[in-house]
Amino acid sequence: MFKKIIAPVQAWLLSQGKCVGCGRSLKKGKRESRQDKTEKVTCSCGRIFIHNQGTGRYRRALFEEV
């Protein structure tokens, strides 16, 4: 039940380019380039995201990508 409430809010935050934990802009995060035209973005709160430069969208990083 809790996940049904939280998931849409997190999806909305990511669509706005904000961290799902602290709400800060992911543009201010630490960026590392990757080979597959994506960037690994680390927020100041420690959460890790992947930014697809082609589409301009963010997503949470998988465990293997960390």
N, C-alpha and C. Protein backbone atom coordinates (compact mmCIF):
# COMPACT_ATOMS: atom_id res chain seq x y z
N MET A 1 0.81 -1.18 0.00
CA MET A 1 0.00 0.00 0.00
C MET A 1 0.87 1.26 0.00
N PHE A 2 1.90 1.27 0.81
CA PHE A 2 2.78 2.42 0.91
C PHE A 2 3.47 2.71 -0.43
N LYS A 3 3.86 1.64 -1.12
CA LYS A 3 4.55 1.79 -2.38
C LYS A 3 3.65 2.41 -3.45
N LYS A 4 2.35 2.13 -3.39
CA LYS A 4 1.41 2.70 -4.36
C LYS A 4 1.27 4.20 -4.19
N ILE A 5 1.53 4.70 -3.01
CA ILE A 5 1.45 6.13 -2.74
C ILE A 5 2.76 6.83 -3.09
N ILE A 6 3.88 6.20 -2.76
CA ILE A 6 5.20 6.81 -2.93
C ILE A 6 5.67 6.80 -4.38
N ALA A 7 5.44 5.73 -5.11
CA ALA A 7 5.97 5.57 -6.47
C ALA A 7 5.56 6.71 -7.42
N PRO A 8 4.31 7.14 -7.47
CA PRO A 8 3.98 8.25 -8.37
C PRO A 8 4.66 9.57 -7.99
N VAL A 9 4.86 9.79 -6.72
CA VAL A 9 5.53 11.01 -6.27
C VAL A 9 6.99 10.98 -6.69
N GLN A 10 7.65 9.83 -6.54
CA GLN A 10 9.04 9.70 -6.95
C GLN A 10 9.17 9.85 -8.46
N ALA A 11 8.25 9.29 -9.22
CA ALA A 11 8.29 9.42 -10.68
C ALA A 11 8.13 10.88 -11.09
N TRP A 12 7.26 11.61 -10.41
CA TRP A 12 7.08 13.02 -10.71
C TRP A 12 8.34 13.82 -10.40
N LEU A 13 8.98 13.54 -9.26
CA LEU A 13 10.22 14.23 -8.90
C LEU A 13 11.31 13.99 -9.94
N LEU A 14 11.45 12.73 -10.39
CA LEU A 14 12.46 12.42 -11.40
C LEU A 14 12.14 13.11 -12.72
N SER A 15 10.88 13.22 -13.08
CA SER A 15 10.53 13.90 -14.33
C SER A 15 10.86 15.39 -14.25
N GLN A 16 10.87 15.94 -13.05
CA GLN A 16 11.24 17.34 -12.83
C GLN A 16 12.75 17.53 -12.69
N GLY A 17 13.51 16.43 -12.66
CA GLY A 17 14.96 16.50 -12.51
C GLY A 17 15.40 16.73 -11.09
N LYS A 18 14.63 16.20 -10.12
CA LYS A 18 14.94 16.39 -8.71
C LYS A 18 15.18 15.05 -8.03
N CYS A 19 15.94 15.08 -6.97
CA CYS A 19 16.25 13.88 -6.19
C CYS A 19 14.99 13.40 -5.48
N VAL A 20 14.80 12.07 -5.44
CA VAL A 20 13.61 11.52 -4.78
C VAL A 20 13.77 11.52 -3.26
N GLY A 21 14.96 11.73 -2.76
CA GLY A 21 15.18 11.72 -1.31
C GLY A 21 15.12 13.09 -0.68
N CYS A 22 15.86 14.04 -1.26
CA CYS A 22 15.95 15.36 -0.64
C CYS A 22 15.26 16.45 -1.45
N GLY A 23 14.93 16.20 -2.72
CA GLY A 23 14.23 17.17 -3.54
C GLY A 23 15.12 18.20 -4.20
N ARG A 24 16.43 18.08 -4.05
CA ARG A 24 17.34 19.03 -4.68
C ARG A 24 17.45 18.76 -6.18
N SER A 25 17.82 19.76 -6.92
CA SER A 25 17.99 19.62 -8.36
C SER A 25 19.18 18.71 -8.65
N LEU A 26 19.00 17.78 -9.59
CA LEU A 26 20.08 16.87 -9.93
C LEU A 26 21.13 17.53 -10.82
N LYS A 27 20.86 18.74 -11.29
CA LYS A 27 21.85 19.48 -12.07
C LYS A 27 23.03 19.88 -11.21
N LYS A 28 22.81 19.96 -9.89
CA LYS A 28 23.87 20.36 -8.96
C LYS A 28 24.69 19.18 -8.45
N GLY A 29 24.30 17.96 -8.83
CA GLY A 29 24.99 16.77 -8.34
C GLY A 29 26.33 16.54 -9.02
N LYS A 30 27.12 15.67 -8.42
CA LYS A 30 28.42 15.30 -8.97
C LYS A 30 28.21 14.38 -10.16
N ARG A 31 28.82 14.71 -11.30
CA ARG A 31 28.60 13.96 -12.54
C ARG A 31 29.86 13.22 -12.97
N GLU A 32 29.65 12.01 -13.48
CA GLU A 32 30.74 11.20 -14.05
C GLU A 32 30.27 10.67 -15.39
N SER A 33 31.03 10.90 -16.44
CA SER A 33 30.67 10.42 -17.77
C SER A 33 30.86 8.92 -17.86
N ARG A 34 30.01 8.29 -18.69
CA ARG A 34 30.10 6.85 -18.92
C ARG A 34 30.22 6.61 -20.41
N GLN A 35 30.56 5.40 -20.80
CA GLN A 35 30.81 5.07 -22.21
C GLN A 35 29.54 5.03 -23.05
N ASP A 36 28.40 4.75 -22.46
CA ASP A 36 27.17 4.55 -23.23
C ASP A 36 26.33 5.84 -23.34
N LYS A 37 26.98 6.99 -23.41
CA LYS A 37 26.33 8.30 -23.56
C LYS A 37 25.36 8.61 -22.42
N THR A 38 25.71 8.17 -21.24
CA THR A 38 24.94 8.51 -20.05
C THR A 38 25.90 9.09 -19.02
N GLU A 39 25.34 9.68 -17.99
CA GLU A 39 26.13 10.22 -16.90
C GLU A 39 25.64 9.62 -15.59
N LYS A 40 26.58 9.35 -14.71
CA LYS A 40 26.24 8.91 -13.35
C LYS A 40 26.23 10.16 -12.49
N VAL A 41 25.08 10.44 -11.89
CA VAL A 41 24.90 11.65 -11.08
C VAL A 41 24.70 11.23 -9.63
N THR A 42 25.54 11.78 -8.74
CA THR A 42 25.42 11.51 -7.32
C THR A 42 24.93 12.76 -6.62
N CYS A 43 23.79 12.64 -5.96
CA CYS A 43 23.22 13.76 -5.23
C CYS A 43 24.00 13.97 -3.93
N SER A 44 23.83 15.12 -3.32
CA SER A 44 24.53 15.41 -2.07
C SER A 44 24.04 14.53 -0.93
N CYS A 45 22.84 13.95 -1.06
CA CYS A 45 22.33 13.05 -0.02
C CYS A 45 22.84 11.62 -0.21
N GLY A 46 23.53 11.35 -1.31
CA GLY A 46 24.13 10.04 -1.52
C GLY A 46 23.42 9.13 -2.50
N ARG A 47 22.25 9.51 -2.95
CA ARG A 47 21.53 8.68 -3.93
C ARG A 47 22.18 8.83 -5.30
N ILE A 48 22.18 7.74 -6.07
CA ILE A 48 22.85 7.72 -7.36
C ILE A 48 21.80 7.56 -8.46
N PHE A 49 21.94 8.38 -9.50
CA PHE A 49 21.02 8.39 -10.62
C PHE A 49 21.80 8.26 -11.92
N ILE A 50 21.11 7.85 -12.98
CA ILE A 50 21.68 7.79 -14.32
C ILE A 50 20.92 8.80 -15.18
N HIS A 51 21.67 9.66 -15.85
CA HIS A 51 21.07 10.69 -16.73
C HIS A 51 21.34 10.29 -18.17
N ASN A 52 20.27 10.05 -18.93
CA ASN A 52 20.38 9.74 -20.35
C ASN A 52 20.46 11.06 -21.10
N GLN A 53 21.60 11.32 -21.72
CA GLN A 53 21.80 12.61 -22.39
C GLN A 53 20.97 12.74 -23.65
N GLY A 54 20.63 11.63 -24.28
CA GLY A 54 19.82 11.68 -25.50
C GLY A 54 18.40 12.12 -25.24
N THR A 55 17.78 11.57 -24.20
CA THR A 55 16.40 11.92 -23.88
C THR A 55 16.28 12.98 -22.81
N GLY A 56 17.33 13.19 -22.03
CA GLY A 56 17.31 14.18 -20.97
C GLY A 56 16.61 13.71 -19.71
N ARG A 57 16.41 12.40 -19.56
CA ARG A 57 15.68 11.87 -18.40
C ARG A 57 16.62 11.25 -17.38
N TYR A 58 16.16 11.25 -16.14
CA TYR A 58 16.89 10.64 -15.04
C TYR A 58 16.18 9.36 -14.61
N ARG A 59 16.95 8.43 -14.03
CA ARG A 59 16.40 7.23 -13.41
C ARG A 59 17.32 6.81 -12.29
N ARG A 60 16.80 6.04 -11.35
CA ARG A 60 17.63 5.53 -10.27
C ARG A 60 18.61 4.52 -10.84
N ALA A 61 19.82 4.52 -10.33
CA ALA A 61 20.84 3.59 -10.79
C ALA A 61 20.58 2.19 -10.24
N LEU A 62 20.81 1.20 -11.08
CA LEU A 62 20.71 -0.18 -10.64
C LEU A 62 21.91 -0.52 -9.77
N PHE A 63 21.80 -1.59 -9.01
CA PHE A 63 22.89 -1.99 -8.12
C PHE A 63 24.16 -2.29 -8.91
N GLU A 64 24.04 -2.86 -10.10
CA GLU A 64 25.21 -3.20 -10.92
C GLU A 64 25.90 -1.96 -11.47
N GLU A 65 25.18 -0.86 -11.59
CA GLU A 65 25.74 0.36 -12.16
C GLU A 65 26.48 1.22 -11.15
N VAL A 66 26.34 0.91 -9.90
CA VAL A 66 26.97 1.70 -8.86
C VAL A 66 28.43 1.33 -8.83
